[in-house]
């Protein structure tokens, strides 16, 4: 099983229920996978 499989299933379920593209965006942005990503290897750009 992919680590993202539960997230994909949740996205499908919400999309079936609400039929709005924004539901997919919201589900991804609020997911632990997305929220934890920035802390890893993040390097701020310098001007």
C-alpha atoms as a PDB file:
ATOM      1  CA  UNK A   1       0.000   0.000   0.000  1.00  0.00           C
ATOM      2  CA  UNK A   2       1.271   3.451  -0.862  1.00  0.00           C
ATOM      3  CA  UNK A   3       1.683   5.815   2.056  1.00  0.00           C
ATOM      4  CA  UNK A   4      -0.618   8.220   0.217  1.00  0.00           C
ATOM      5  CA  UNK A   5      -3.332   5.628  -0.400  1.00  0.00           C
ATOM      6  CA  UNK A   6      -5.537   6.706   2.553  1.00  0.00           C
ATOM      7  CA  UNK A   7      -5.273  10.325   1.401  1.00  0.00           C
ATOM      8  CA  UNK A   8      -6.250   9.369  -2.146  1.00  0.00           C
ATOM      9  CA  UNK A   9      -9.242   7.422  -0.838  1.00  0.00           C
ATOM     10  CA  UNK A  10     -10.311  10.384   1.297  1.00  0.00           C
ATOM     11  CA  UNK A  11     -10.021  12.694  -1.729  1.00  0.00           C
ATOM     12  CA  UNK A  12     -12.182  10.373  -3.834  1.00  0.00           C
ATOM     13  CA  UNK A  13     -14.813  10.114  -1.107  1.00  0.00           C
ATOM     14  CA  UNK A  14     -15.008  13.895  -0.616  1.00  0.00           C
ATOM     15  CA  UNK A  15     -15.088  14.561  -4.357  1.00  0.00           C
ATOM     16  CA  UNK A  16     -17.993  12.127  -4.813  1.00  0.00           C
ATOM     17  CA  UNK A  17     -19.900  13.811  -1.992  1.00  0.00           C
ATOM     18  CA  UNK A  18     -19.218  17.467  -2.801  1.00  0.00           C
ATOM     19  CA  UNK A  19     -18.311  17.468  -6.519  1.00  0.00           C
ATOM     20  CA  UNK A  20     -16.047  20.511  -6.201  1.00  0.00           C
ATOM     21  CA  UNK A  21     -12.444  20.697  -7.402  1.00  0.00           C
ATOM     22  CA  UNK A  22     -11.581  22.833  -4.377  1.00  0.00           C
ATOM     23  CA  UNK A  23     -12.227  19.784  -2.162  1.00  0.00           C
ATOM     24  CA  UNK A  24      -9.193  18.090  -3.724  1.00  0.00           C
ATOM     25  CA  UNK A  25      -7.015  21.129  -3.169  1.00  0.00           C
ATOM     26  CA  UNK A  26      -8.205  21.526   0.421  1.00  0.00           C
ATOM     27  CA  UNK A  27      -7.643  17.849   1.232  1.00  0.00           C
ATOM     28  CA  UNK A  28      -4.075  17.946  -0.091  1.00  0.00           C
ATOM     29  CA  UNK A  29      -3.156  21.201   1.649  1.00  0.00           C
ATOM     30  CA  UNK A  30      -4.502  20.014   5.000  1.00  0.00           C
ATOM     31  CA  UNK A  31      -2.890  16.573   4.739  1.00  0.00           C
ATOM     32  CA  UNK A  32       0.006  15.631   7.037  1.00  0.00           C
ATOM     33  CA  UNK A  33       2.073  14.714   3.965  1.00  0.00           C
ATOM     34  CA  UNK A  34       1.816  18.256   2.625  1.00  0.00           C
ATOM     35  CA  UNK A  35       2.133  20.059   5.944  1.00  0.00           C
ATOM     36  CA  UNK A  36       5.325  18.239   6.971  1.00  0.00           C
ATOM     37  CA  UNK A  37       7.018  18.560   3.584  1.00  0.00           C
ATOM     38  CA  UNK A  38       8.309  22.118   3.905  1.00  0.00           C
ATOM     39  CA  UNK A  39      10.436  21.460   6.985  1.00  0.00           C
ATOM     40  CA  UNK A  40      12.560  18.926   5.154  1.00  0.00           C
ATOM     41  CA  UNK A  41      15.451  20.306   3.149  1.00  0.00           C
ATOM     42  CA  UNK A  42      13.877  23.762   2.987  1.00  0.00           C
ATOM     43  CA  UNK A  43      16.336  26.443   1.973  1.00  0.00           C
ATOM     44  CA  UNK A  44      15.186  30.037   1.932  1.00  0.00           C
ATOM     45  CA  UNK A  45      16.104  31.995  -1.153  1.00  0.00           C
ATOM     46  CA  UNK A  46      18.411  34.916  -0.538  1.00  0.00           C
ATOM     47  CA  UNK A  47      18.045  38.158  -2.485  1.00  0.00           C
END
